[in-house]
Amino acid sequence: MIRLDGHQRIAGDLRGGVIALGNFDGFHAGHQAVVGRAVRHAQDEGRPAIVATFDPHPVRFFKPDAAPFRLTTLDQRQELFAAAGADAMLVLPFDAALAGTSAEDFITELLLGRYGAKGVVTGADFVFGKGRGGDVVTLADHARRLGFFTEMVAPVDADDAVISSSRIREALQAGDCATAAHLLTRPFTVRGIVQHGDKNGRLLGFPTANIDMGNYLRPRYGIYAVTGRLPDGRMLKGAANLGIRPSFDPPKELLEPHFFDFAEDLYGQEIDVAFHAFIRPEAKFDGMDSLMAQIAVDCDEAKALLTDI
C-alpha cells in the first residue's frame, strides 16, 4: 500500500479518489464501516480508495502532556487499511497550520485542491477545521455546491452502545481484553523492538522479550495471556507482564512477554504482542522462590486460556 504525505499534492492515478476521513485510531468496527463504504464507492466508480488519518493525533497536539492513549501505530493502521481494500493511506500531519485551517479551506484547499477528492466518507460525529467548525452538514453543503459527493456512515453499536475508541480504552484499562477484542474485531496488539533488559527473566528460568510501550495506551498493569507474531510470520503463545516489575529495583515500565518453548534470540527484532486475557494484577513477592512459583502458575493459566488459539 502507498503512504501519502498530507503536505503534498496527490497526482497521477491516485488523484480523483474517494477519501475515508477520520482519526481511525484502533480501526475498530465503526471505523471499518466508514472505510468499507469508501472502498465500495471507489470500486463502483473505478476510483482509488484512500484512507486519511491524522498523525500525531489532534489530542496530542492540543494536549502534549496527555498520557499515552494510542491503540495503533501508523504502520499497523497502514496494514489494516490495506487489508480493508484501500489503495493508499494519506497521513495528515496535525500541526499548527492544520489546526488553524478553517473548515471551508480544509474542504476547498486540501480535500479538493491538494488531494483531488471526488468523494468523502466520514463517521457521523466527525468534525474538522479550526475550532472544530466543520461537521458532516458542512461537508454535505459544500458537496452540493462544489460537485463532489459525501456520505455519513451511522455509528455501529455493540451491546447496546456505540462502538468507540474511548470504550476500547476503558475496557483495556480495566483488563477486559475480551470486550476490547470484540469492539476492535481483533486483540489489542502492541508492536515494538525487542530490547536488552536486566536479564531477570532469564535468571528466573523464564526469559522475556522486553518491549517499550511507547505511545500506546497502557492497559491495566498485570499478567496477561498473549500471543506473539515474529517478523517471519510465526505465532507464539506466552504469558506477559505489563507494568513496573515491583519485585525489582529500580521500577521500570516494560511489556515482558515470555514465549513458551522458545529459545531463539529476538533482540533488535520488531514483534507483535497481542493481549488475549488478563490473569492477575502485578504483585511484589518476598523472594525469588515465591516469584518463580507464581510465574509457573501464571504460565499454566495462560496456556489453558490460549488452548483454542
Protein backbone atom coordinates (compact mmCIF):
# COMPACT_ATOMS: atom_id res chain seq x y z
CA MET A 1 0.00 0.00 0.00
CA ILE A 2 1.17 3.52 -0.81
CA ARG A 3 1.64 6.02 2.04
CA LEU A 4 0.93 9.61 1.03
CA ASP A 5 2.20 12.75 2.79
CA GLY A 6 -0.62 15.16 3.56
CA HIS A 7 1.68 18.10 2.85
CA GLN A 8 2.00 17.03 -0.79
CA ARG A 9 -0.40 17.27 -3.73
CA ILE A 10 -1.86 13.95 -4.84
CA ALA A 11 -1.20 13.39 -8.52
CA GLY A 12 -1.33 10.62 -11.08
CA ASP A 13 -3.53 7.58 -10.72
CA LEU A 14 -4.42 8.35 -7.09
CA ARG A 15 -5.96 11.73 -7.86
CA GLY A 16 -9.74 11.80 -8.05
CA GLY A 17 -10.16 9.23 -5.30
CA VAL A 18 -12.74 8.51 -2.65
CA ILE A 19 -11.35 9.51 0.74
CA ALA A 20 -12.39 7.95 4.05
CA LEU A 21 -11.67 10.70 6.55
CA GLY A 22 -11.16 10.28 10.29
CA ASN A 23 -8.70 9.58 13.07
CA PHE A 24 -9.23 5.81 12.85
CA ASP A 25 -7.12 5.07 15.94
CA GLY A 26 -7.72 1.42 16.68
CA PHE A 27 -9.57 0.90 13.39
CA HIS A 28 -12.46 -0.67 15.29
CA ALA A 29 -15.71 -1.99 13.83
CA GLY A 30 -17.15 1.52 13.46
CA HIS A 31 -14.08 2.74 11.59
CA GLN A 32 -14.19 -0.35 9.41
CA ALA A 33 -17.75 0.54 8.38
CA VAL A 34 -16.60 4.01 7.23
CA VAL A 35 -13.66 2.68 5.24
CA GLY A 36 -15.78 -0.13 3.85
CA ARG A 37 -18.26 2.35 2.38
CA ALA A 38 -15.44 4.39 0.83
CA VAL A 39 -13.91 1.28 -0.71
CA ARG A 40 -17.24 0.20 -2.17
CA HIS A 41 -17.88 3.66 -3.65
CA ALA A 42 -14.39 3.64 -5.16
CA GLN A 43 -14.85 0.20 -6.66
CA ASP A 44 -18.26 1.11 -8.11
CA GLU A 45 -16.84 4.23 -9.78
CA GLY A 46 -13.45 2.85 -10.76
CA ARG A 47 -11.61 5.28 -8.49
CA PRO A 48 -8.83 4.81 -5.94
CA ALA A 49 -9.83 4.33 -2.31
CA ILE A 50 -7.77 6.44 0.09
CA VAL A 51 -7.92 6.40 3.90
CA ALA A 52 -6.89 9.66 5.55
CA THR A 53 -5.65 9.58 9.14
CA PHE A 54 -4.12 12.21 11.41
CA ASP A 55 -0.67 11.81 12.94
CA PRO A 56 0.03 12.94 15.53
CA HIS A 57 -3.48 12.58 16.89
CA PRO A 58 -5.12 16.02 17.39
CA VAL A 59 -5.32 15.35 21.14
CA ARG A 60 -1.53 15.11 21.25
CA PHE A 61 -1.23 18.49 19.52
CA PHE A 62 -3.64 20.31 21.82
CA LYS A 63 -2.67 18.41 24.99
CA PRO A 64 1.01 17.46 24.61
CA ASP A 65 1.20 16.26 28.21
CA ALA A 66 -1.72 13.83 27.86
CA ALA A 67 -0.99 10.27 28.99
CA PRO A 68 -0.28 7.78 26.19
CA PHE A 69 -3.55 6.70 24.55
CA ARG A 70 -2.85 5.33 21.05
CA LEU A 71 -4.33 1.96 20.08
CA THR A 72 -2.29 1.57 16.89
CA THR A 73 0.84 2.85 15.22
CA LEU A 74 0.87 4.28 11.71
CA ASP A 75 2.42 1.07 10.40
CA GLN A 76 -0.34 -1.00 11.99
CA ARG A 77 -3.02 1.28 10.56
CA GLN A 78 -1.47 1.04 7.11
CA GLU A 79 -1.65 -2.76 7.23
CA LEU A 80 -5.24 -2.67 8.48
CA PHE A 81 -6.33 -0.19 5.80
CA ALA A 82 -4.71 -2.32 3.11
CA ALA A 83 -6.50 -5.42 4.38
CA ALA A 84 -9.78 -3.47 4.20
CA GLY A 85 -9.22 -2.87 0.48
CA ALA A 86 -7.81 0.68 0.41
CA ASP A 87 -5.25 1.66 -2.21
CA ALA A 88 -3.41 4.28 -0.17
CA MET A 89 -3.09 5.82 3.29
CA LEU A 90 -2.99 9.61 3.42
CA VAL A 91 -1.23 10.87 6.56
CA LEU A 92 -2.29 14.37 7.56
CA PRO A 93 0.35 15.77 9.94
CA PHE A 94 -1.62 17.56 12.64
CA ASP A 95 0.45 20.70 13.15
CA ALA A 96 -0.23 24.38 13.82
CA ALA A 97 -1.01 25.04 10.17
CA LEU A 98 -3.65 22.32 10.03
CA ALA A 99 -5.08 23.31 13.41
CA GLY A 100 -5.52 26.85 12.11
CA THR A 101 -7.17 25.87 8.81
CA SER A 102 -10.83 26.83 8.59
CA ALA A 103 -13.41 24.20 7.76
CA GLU A 104 -14.06 25.81 4.35
CA ASP A 105 -10.36 25.92 3.48
CA PHE A 106 -9.94 22.34 4.65
CA ILE A 107 -12.54 21.32 2.07
CA THR A 108 -11.61 23.59 -0.83
CA GLU A 109 -7.83 23.85 -0.47
CA LEU A 110 -6.98 20.44 0.97
CA LEU A 111 -9.65 17.85 0.13
CA LEU A 112 -10.42 19.23 -3.33
CA GLY A 113 -7.37 21.25 -4.29
CA ARG A 114 -4.44 19.32 -2.84
CA TYR A 115 -5.91 15.81 -2.74
CA GLY A 116 -8.36 15.97 -5.67
CA ALA A 117 -11.12 14.14 -3.82
CA LYS A 118 -14.23 13.20 -5.78
CA GLY A 119 -15.92 11.71 -2.74
CA VAL A 120 -15.52 11.92 1.05
CA VAL A 121 -16.87 9.38 3.55
CA THR A 122 -16.88 10.06 7.31
CA GLY A 123 -18.46 8.89 10.51
CA ALA A 124 -21.48 10.74 11.85
CA ASP A 125 -19.53 12.51 14.59
CA PHE A 126 -16.57 13.67 12.50
CA VAL A 127 -15.60 17.33 12.99
CA PHE A 128 -12.81 19.28 11.35
CA GLY A 129 -11.36 22.73 10.82
CA LYS A 130 -10.28 25.49 13.17
CA GLY A 131 -12.26 25.38 16.39
CA ARG A 132 -13.99 22.19 15.19
CA GLY A 133 -16.00 24.46 12.89
CA GLY A 134 -16.94 21.84 10.31
CA ASP A 135 -19.04 18.70 10.50
CA VAL A 136 -20.93 16.34 8.21
CA VAL A 137 -23.53 19.04 7.46
CA THR A 138 -20.73 21.40 6.36
CA LEU A 139 -19.35 18.68 4.09
CA ALA A 140 -22.75 17.96 2.57
CA ASP A 141 -23.41 21.65 1.90
CA HIS A 142 -20.07 22.08 0.10
CA ALA A 143 -20.57 18.85 -1.81
CA ARG A 144 -23.81 20.14 -3.33
CA ARG A 145 -22.18 23.41 -4.38
CA LEU A 146 -18.77 22.13 -5.50
CA GLY A 147 -19.61 18.92 -7.26
CA PHE A 148 -18.21 16.11 -5.10
CA PHE A 149 -20.17 13.55 -3.15
CA THR A 150 -20.09 12.84 0.55
CA GLU A 151 -21.58 10.16 2.76
CA MET A 152 -22.02 9.99 6.52
CA VAL A 153 -21.86 6.49 7.96
CA ALA A 154 -24.03 5.86 11.03
CA PRO A 155 -22.40 4.68 14.26
CA VAL A 156 -22.03 0.95 14.79
CA ASP A 157 -23.47 -0.46 18.02
CA ALA A 158 -22.29 -3.35 20.14
CA ASP A 159 -24.02 -4.43 23.35
CA ASP A 160 -26.50 -1.53 23.09
CA ALA A 161 -23.81 1.15 22.97
CA VAL A 162 -21.90 2.88 20.18
CA ILE A 163 -18.50 1.40 19.43
CA SER A 164 -15.80 3.98 20.12
CA SER A 165 -12.08 4.18 20.81
CA SER A 166 -12.98 5.50 24.28
CA ARG A 167 -14.91 2.31 25.09
CA ILE A 168 -11.96 0.24 23.95
CA ARG A 169 -9.52 2.23 26.07
CA GLU A 170 -11.76 1.89 29.11
CA ALA A 171 -12.00 -1.87 28.60
CA LEU A 172 -8.23 -2.24 28.32
CA GLN A 173 -7.62 -0.08 31.38
CA ALA A 174 -9.94 -2.44 33.26
CA GLY A 175 -8.09 -5.50 31.96
CA ASP A 176 -11.11 -6.56 29.90
CA CYS A 177 -9.35 -7.97 26.85
CA ALA A 178 -12.45 -9.78 25.59
CA THR A 179 -14.53 -6.62 25.27
CA ALA A 180 -11.66 -4.73 23.65
CA ALA A 181 -11.14 -7.53 21.13
CA HIS A 182 -14.88 -7.68 20.40
CA LEU A 183 -15.02 -3.96 19.61
CA LEU A 184 -11.74 -3.93 17.68
CA THR A 185 -12.59 -7.22 15.88
CA ARG A 186 -9.12 -8.45 16.90
CA PRO A 187 -7.00 -8.43 20.08
CA PHE A 188 -5.27 -5.22 21.13
CA THR A 189 -1.73 -5.60 19.82
CA VAL A 190 1.49 -3.83 20.73
CA ARG A 191 4.27 -3.69 18.15
CA GLY A 192 7.80 -2.93 19.27
CA ILE A 193 11.50 -3.65 19.03
CA VAL A 194 12.83 -6.27 21.45
CA GLN A 195 15.46 -4.59 23.61
CA HIS A 196 18.11 -5.79 26.02
CA GLY A 197 16.99 -5.77 29.64
CA ASP A 198 18.31 -6.75 33.07
CA LYS A 199 18.10 -10.48 32.24
CA ASN A 200 15.96 -11.06 35.35
CA GLY A 201 13.60 -13.35 33.45
CA ARG A 202 16.46 -15.46 32.18
CA LEU A 203 17.85 -15.82 35.72
CA LEU A 204 14.40 -16.95 36.88
CA GLY A 205 14.15 -19.52 34.11
CA PHE A 206 11.52 -17.55 32.17
CA PRO A 207 13.36 -15.41 29.56
CA THR A 208 11.36 -12.47 28.25
CA ALA A 209 11.33 -10.24 25.16
CA ASN A 210 11.37 -6.72 26.60
CA ILE A 211 9.39 -4.05 24.74
CA ASP A 212 8.91 -0.35 25.47
CA MET A 213 5.23 0.66 25.33
CA GLY A 214 5.99 3.98 23.60
CA ASN A 215 2.83 5.94 22.78
CA TYR A 216 0.45 3.02 23.25
CA LEU A 217 -2.33 3.18 25.79
CA ARG A 218 -1.36 1.36 28.97
CA PRO A 219 -3.78 -1.47 29.70
CA ARG A 220 -4.22 -2.45 33.33
CA TYR A 221 -0.87 -3.44 34.82
CA GLY A 222 -0.60 -7.14 35.43
CA ILE A 223 -0.07 -10.56 33.88
CA TYR A 224 -1.68 -11.47 30.55
CA ALA A 225 -2.10 -14.45 28.27
CA VAL A 226 -0.61 -13.27 24.98
CA THR A 227 0.43 -14.36 21.55
CA GLY A 228 3.44 -13.05 19.68
CA ARG A 229 4.00 -12.75 15.96
CA LEU A 230 7.57 -12.75 14.66
CA PRO A 231 8.84 -10.98 11.54
CA ASP A 232 8.81 -14.30 9.67
CA GLY A 233 5.11 -14.78 10.46
CA ARG A 234 5.43 -17.42 13.17
CA MET A 235 2.93 -17.20 16.01
CA LEU A 236 3.98 -17.96 19.59
CA LYS A 237 1.94 -18.36 22.75
CA GLY A 238 3.05 -16.90 26.04
CA ALA A 239 2.46 -15.01 29.27
CA ALA A 240 3.45 -11.37 29.67
CA ASN A 241 3.99 -8.95 32.50
CA LEU A 242 2.99 -5.35 31.82
CA GLY A 243 3.98 -2.90 34.50
CA ILE A 244 6.84 -1.64 36.63
CA ARG A 245 8.10 -5.00 37.98
CA PRO A 246 7.59 -4.26 41.72
CA SER A 247 9.85 -7.14 42.81
CA PHE A 248 12.87 -5.46 41.23
CA ASP A 249 14.67 -2.16 41.81
CA PRO A 250 14.53 0.36 40.31
CA PRO A 251 10.96 0.24 38.97
CA LYS A 252 10.92 0.25 35.18
CA GLU A 253 7.86 0.08 32.95
CA LEU A 254 8.06 -2.68 30.35
CA LEU A 255 5.98 -5.17 28.44
CA GLU A 256 7.76 -8.50 29.07
CA PRO A 257 6.32 -11.47 27.16
CA HIS A 258 7.69 -14.94 27.89
CA PHE A 259 7.01 -17.28 24.97
CA PHE A 260 6.52 -20.96 25.71
CA ASP A 261 9.03 -23.49 24.37
CA PHE A 262 11.00 -20.79 22.57
CA ALA A 263 14.70 -20.03 23.00
CA GLU A 264 15.73 -18.01 19.92
CA ASP A 265 17.40 -14.59 20.03
CA LEU A 266 14.85 -11.84 19.33
CA TYR A 267 16.98 -8.80 20.22
CA GLY A 268 16.55 -5.98 17.73
CA GLN A 269 13.59 -7.62 16.00
CA GLU A 270 10.17 -6.00 15.71
CA ILE A 271 7.42 -8.24 17.03
CA ASP A 272 3.69 -8.02 17.72
CA VAL A 273 2.27 -8.93 21.13
CA ALA A 274 -1.49 -9.49 21.25
CA PHE A 275 -3.37 -9.30 24.57
CA HIS A 276 -5.90 -12.15 24.93
CA ALA A 277 -6.78 -12.35 28.64
CA PHE A 278 -5.92 -10.69 31.95
CA ILE A 279 -4.69 -13.18 34.55
CA ARG A 280 -3.86 -11.16 37.68
CA PRO A 281 -2.59 -7.76 38.84
CA GLU A 282 1.09 -7.07 39.40
CA ALA A 283 2.34 -8.04 42.85
CA LYS A 284 5.52 -7.75 44.88
CA PHE A 285 7.00 -11.02 46.17
CA ASP A 286 9.19 -11.53 49.21
CA GLY A 287 11.76 -13.66 47.40
CA MET A 288 12.73 -15.18 44.09
CA ASP A 289 11.41 -18.63 45.01
CA SER A 290 7.88 -17.36 45.55
CA LEU A 291 8.10 -15.25 42.40
CA MET A 292 9.26 -18.23 40.31
CA ALA A 293 6.48 -20.39 41.68
CA GLN A 294 3.88 -17.75 40.81
CA ILE A 295 5.28 -17.30 37.29
CA ALA A 296 4.94 -21.04 36.73
CA VAL A 297 1.30 -20.86 37.83
CA ASP A 298 0.72 -17.85 35.56
CA CYS A 299 2.21 -19.70 32.58
CA ASP A 300 0.00 -22.72 33.20
CA GLU A 301 -3.07 -20.49 33.32
CA ALA A 302 -2.01 -18.67 30.15
CA LYS A 303 -1.56 -21.99 28.35
CA ALA A 304 -5.07 -23.01 29.37
CA LEU A 305 -6.54 -19.69 28.22
CA LEU A 306 -4.79 -19.97 24.86
CA THR A 307 -5.73 -23.57 24.16
CA ASP A 308 -8.11 -22.75 21.31
CA ILE A 309 -5.86 -20.17 19.65
